[in-house]
Amino acid sequence: MFCEVELVRNVEVTVEKEKRDGVNLQRYIITCLLENLLKEKASKDHGYFLAVTSLKSIGKEEVKNESESQCVSFPITFSCRTFLPLEGEILHGVVRHIFRRGLLLKCGPIKYVFLSARKMPTYHYVGGENPVFSSTQSATIGNDVVVRFSVLGVRWLEKRGCINKEFVMLASLEGNTSLGPISLSDSDEFDL
């Protein structure tokens, strides 16, 4: 689900940078905000940060003394478009890996969507050099195929192995006849 949220973040600038670039300070602060959001990537409450849609305000500077370097902090209020997956939603994903027990899909910024073979009741695994899941209705799910699925579950992982600040999802093709592989011309998904 796409949301529009209002957020407040503090951006720190060294005092030397503030004095030297007074004219371009606002541009520099906004650039720092965007870089910080890119590093932050997502939050449990709001989802993935997609785009800053409006800048509400840059607050008054607060001087911070940290050992030898002096920093100035600016509170920034802004609106941001986010993507937060919810259980029960119908989404599209691209198949990245096929295993005997299911598929691994990518859905926008979400890299880890698992669709278990148990949640694809009309499909069966066909192994080989290029494994696929095939259906009795002549539908085939292979690598790079777009699949419409229902979100069965969503979990936020702060840090686990190589996964850092990510949502992971479980998917299903049960309960709706419109779920399954779709042709690219039917896809309204866009790459986030």
Protein backbone atom coordinates (compact mmCIF):
# COMPACT_ATOMS: atom_id res chain seq x y z
CA MET A 1 0.00 0.00 0.00
CA PHE A 2 1.29 3.44 -0.92
CA CYS A 3 1.04 6.05 1.83
CA GLU A 4 1.87 9.71 2.25
CA VAL A 5 3.42 10.38 5.68
CA GLU A 6 4.81 13.44 7.40
CA LEU A 7 8.22 12.88 8.97
CA VAL A 8 10.75 14.88 10.97
CA ARG A 9 14.47 14.18 10.67
CA ASN A 10 17.52 16.02 12.03
CA VAL A 11 20.29 16.84 9.58
CA GLU A 12 23.73 17.65 10.99
CA VAL A 13 26.06 20.11 9.30
CA THR A 14 29.53 21.10 10.47
CA VAL A 15 29.85 24.73 11.54
CA GLU A 16 32.58 25.30 8.96
CA LYS A 17 30.25 24.13 6.16
CA GLU A 18 27.48 26.41 7.44
CA LYS A 19 29.73 29.51 7.49
CA ARG A 20 31.39 28.79 4.15
CA ASP A 21 28.25 27.96 2.16
CA GLY A 22 25.56 30.18 3.66
CA VAL A 23 23.91 30.78 0.28
CA ASN A 24 23.75 27.11 -0.66
CA LEU A 25 23.07 25.86 2.87
CA GLN A 26 19.42 25.02 2.24
CA ARG A 27 20.31 22.98 -0.85
CA TYR A 28 23.05 21.20 1.10
CA ILE A 29 20.68 20.39 3.99
CA ILE A 30 18.11 18.93 1.59
CA THR A 31 20.82 16.88 -0.14
CA CYS A 32 21.93 15.52 3.25
CA LEU A 33 18.31 14.66 4.11
CA LEU A 34 17.91 12.69 0.87
CA GLU A 35 21.22 10.86 1.42
CA ASN A 36 20.18 9.98 4.99
CA LEU A 37 16.81 8.64 3.81
CA LEU A 38 18.56 6.56 1.16
CA LYS A 39 20.76 5.00 3.86
CA GLU A 40 17.78 4.51 6.20
CA LYS A 41 15.83 2.84 3.33
CA ALA A 42 12.76 1.82 5.35
CA SER A 43 11.12 1.81 8.76
CA LYS A 44 8.89 -0.72 10.46
CA ASP A 45 6.05 1.79 10.92
CA HIS A 46 6.08 3.54 7.53
CA GLY A 47 7.58 1.04 5.06
CA TYR A 48 10.04 1.85 2.28
CA PHE A 49 10.83 5.51 1.62
CA LEU A 50 10.15 6.11 -2.07
CA ALA A 51 10.17 9.88 -2.59
CA VAL A 52 10.13 13.17 -0.70
CA THR A 53 7.00 14.88 -2.03
CA SER A 54 7.16 18.20 -0.20
CA LEU A 55 9.36 20.11 2.21
CA LYS A 56 7.30 21.60 5.05
CA SER A 57 9.97 23.41 7.04
CA ILE A 58 13.62 23.63 8.04
CA GLY A 59 13.71 24.42 11.73
CA LYS A 60 16.05 26.63 13.71
CA GLU A 61 19.59 25.37 14.06
CA GLU A 62 20.70 23.70 17.28
CA VAL A 63 24.43 23.77 18.11
CA LYS A 64 25.91 20.46 19.25
CA ASN A 65 29.37 20.13 20.75
CA GLU A 66 30.80 16.71 20.07
CA SER A 67 34.40 16.55 21.34
CA GLU A 68 36.52 18.48 18.83
CA SER A 69 34.05 19.02 15.99
CA GLN A 70 31.10 21.37 16.31
CA CYS A 71 27.95 20.39 14.48
CA VAL A 72 24.75 22.26 13.85
CA SER A 73 21.55 20.24 13.65
CA PHE A 74 18.50 21.32 11.64
CA PRO A 75 15.11 19.65 12.26
CA ILE A 76 13.36 19.15 8.91
CA THR A 77 9.66 18.43 8.49
CA PHE A 78 8.68 16.90 5.15
CA SER A 79 6.16 14.66 3.42
CA CYS A 80 7.30 11.36 2.00
CA ARG A 81 5.65 8.69 -0.16
CA THR A 82 6.15 5.21 1.26
CA PHE A 83 5.33 1.62 0.36
CA LEU A 84 4.10 -0.56 3.22
CA PRO A 85 2.86 -4.07 2.30
CA LEU A 86 -0.25 -5.32 4.11
CA GLU A 87 -1.73 -8.79 4.56
CA GLY A 88 -4.50 -9.55 2.08
CA GLU A 89 -3.28 -7.10 -0.58
CA ILE A 90 -2.99 -8.25 -4.18
CA LEU A 91 0.45 -7.38 -5.57
CA HIS A 92 2.69 -8.28 -8.51
CA GLY A 93 6.17 -9.72 -8.27
CA VAL A 94 8.86 -10.96 -10.62
CA VAL A 95 10.18 -14.51 -10.14
CA ARG A 96 13.89 -14.44 -9.24
CA HIS A 97 14.57 -18.04 -8.13
CA ILE A 98 12.72 -21.34 -8.41
CA PHE A 99 13.13 -24.07 -5.82
CA ARG A 100 11.39 -27.42 -5.46
CA ARG A 101 9.52 -26.03 -2.44
CA GLY A 102 8.49 -22.70 -4.00
CA LEU A 103 9.47 -19.42 -5.62
CA LEU A 104 11.37 -16.34 -4.53
CA LEU A 105 9.91 -13.14 -5.99
CA LYS A 106 10.83 -9.46 -5.97
CA CYS A 107 8.01 -6.96 -5.54
CA GLY A 108 9.09 -3.32 -5.95
CA PRO A 109 11.64 -2.59 -3.20
CA ILE A 110 10.87 -5.90 -1.44
CA LYS A 111 13.54 -8.41 -2.36
CA TYR A 112 12.25 -11.40 -0.40
CA VAL A 113 8.75 -12.68 -1.23
CA PHE A 114 8.38 -16.44 -0.79
CA LEU A 115 5.58 -18.29 -2.57
CA SER A 116 5.44 -21.83 -1.22
CA ALA A 117 4.54 -24.72 -3.53
CA ARG A 118 1.83 -25.53 -0.96
CA LYS A 119 0.18 -22.17 -1.67
CA MET A 120 0.03 -22.93 -5.42
CA PRO A 121 -2.43 -25.86 -5.35
CA THR A 122 -2.93 -26.18 -9.13
CA TYR A 123 0.83 -26.04 -9.92
CA HIS A 124 3.49 -28.73 -9.75
CA TYR A 125 7.27 -28.48 -9.89
CA VAL A 126 9.01 -29.47 -13.13
CA GLY A 127 12.76 -29.80 -12.60
CA GLY A 128 15.58 -29.64 -15.09
CA GLU A 129 18.07 -27.07 -16.33
CA ASN A 130 15.40 -24.33 -16.21
CA PRO A 131 12.94 -25.45 -13.53
CA VAL A 132 9.35 -24.15 -13.64
CA PHE A 133 6.01 -24.61 -11.94
CA SER A 134 3.39 -25.81 -14.39
CA SER A 135 -0.40 -25.83 -14.09
CA THR A 136 -3.06 -28.12 -15.51
CA GLN A 137 -4.49 -24.98 -17.23
CA SER A 138 -1.28 -24.71 -19.33
CA ALA A 139 0.09 -21.82 -17.26
CA THR A 140 3.81 -21.88 -16.49
CA ILE A 141 5.76 -19.94 -13.90
CA GLY A 142 9.48 -19.60 -14.64
CA ASN A 143 12.26 -17.12 -13.94
CA ASP A 144 11.47 -13.47 -14.82
CA VAL A 145 7.72 -14.17 -15.05
CA VAL A 146 5.38 -11.61 -13.45
CA VAL A 147 3.06 -13.22 -10.90
CA ARG A 148 -0.04 -11.69 -9.29
CA PHE A 149 -0.26 -12.93 -5.69
CA SER A 150 -2.05 -12.33 -2.41
CA VAL A 151 0.03 -11.24 0.58
CA LEU A 152 -0.27 -13.96 3.20
CA GLY A 153 2.06 -12.47 5.80
CA VAL A 154 4.54 -9.62 6.30
CA ARG A 155 7.48 -9.44 8.70
CA TRP A 156 9.94 -6.63 9.41
CA LEU A 157 13.56 -7.70 9.90
CA GLU A 158 15.83 -5.12 11.48
CA LYS A 159 18.97 -7.27 11.09
CA ARG A 160 19.27 -10.95 10.27
CA GLY A 161 22.22 -12.30 8.31
CA CYS A 162 22.57 -10.32 5.09
CA ILE A 163 19.06 -8.85 5.49
CA ASN A 164 19.15 -5.36 6.99
CA LYS A 165 16.03 -3.19 7.45
CA GLU A 166 13.82 -5.17 5.09
CA PHE A 167 10.30 -6.46 4.90
CA VAL A 168 9.88 -10.11 3.94
CA MET A 169 6.59 -11.54 2.73
CA LEU A 170 4.80 -14.83 2.31
CA ALA A 171 2.60 -15.07 -0.78
CA SER A 172 -0.30 -17.24 -1.92
CA LEU A 173 -2.17 -18.04 -5.13
CA GLU A 174 -5.10 -19.60 -3.25
CA GLY A 175 -8.63 -18.24 -3.15
CA ASN A 176 -8.72 -16.01 -6.24
CA THR A 177 -8.84 -17.08 -9.88
CA SER A 178 -7.07 -13.89 -11.04
CA LEU A 179 -3.88 -14.88 -9.16
CA GLY A 180 -0.96 -16.45 -10.99
CA PRO A 181 1.30 -15.60 -13.91
CA ILE A 182 0.29 -12.60 -16.00
CA SER A 183 1.50 -11.30 -19.32
CA LEU A 184 3.60 -8.13 -19.20
CA SER A 185 0.96 -6.24 -21.17
CA ASP A 186 -1.51 -6.87 -18.30
CA SER A 187 0.97 -5.75 -15.65
CA ASP A 188 0.45 -2.36 -14.09
CA GLU A 189 3.46 -2.81 -11.81
CA PHE A 190 6.21 -0.25 -12.06
CA ASP A 191 9.70 -0.60 -10.75
CA LEU A 192 10.07 1.22 -7.45
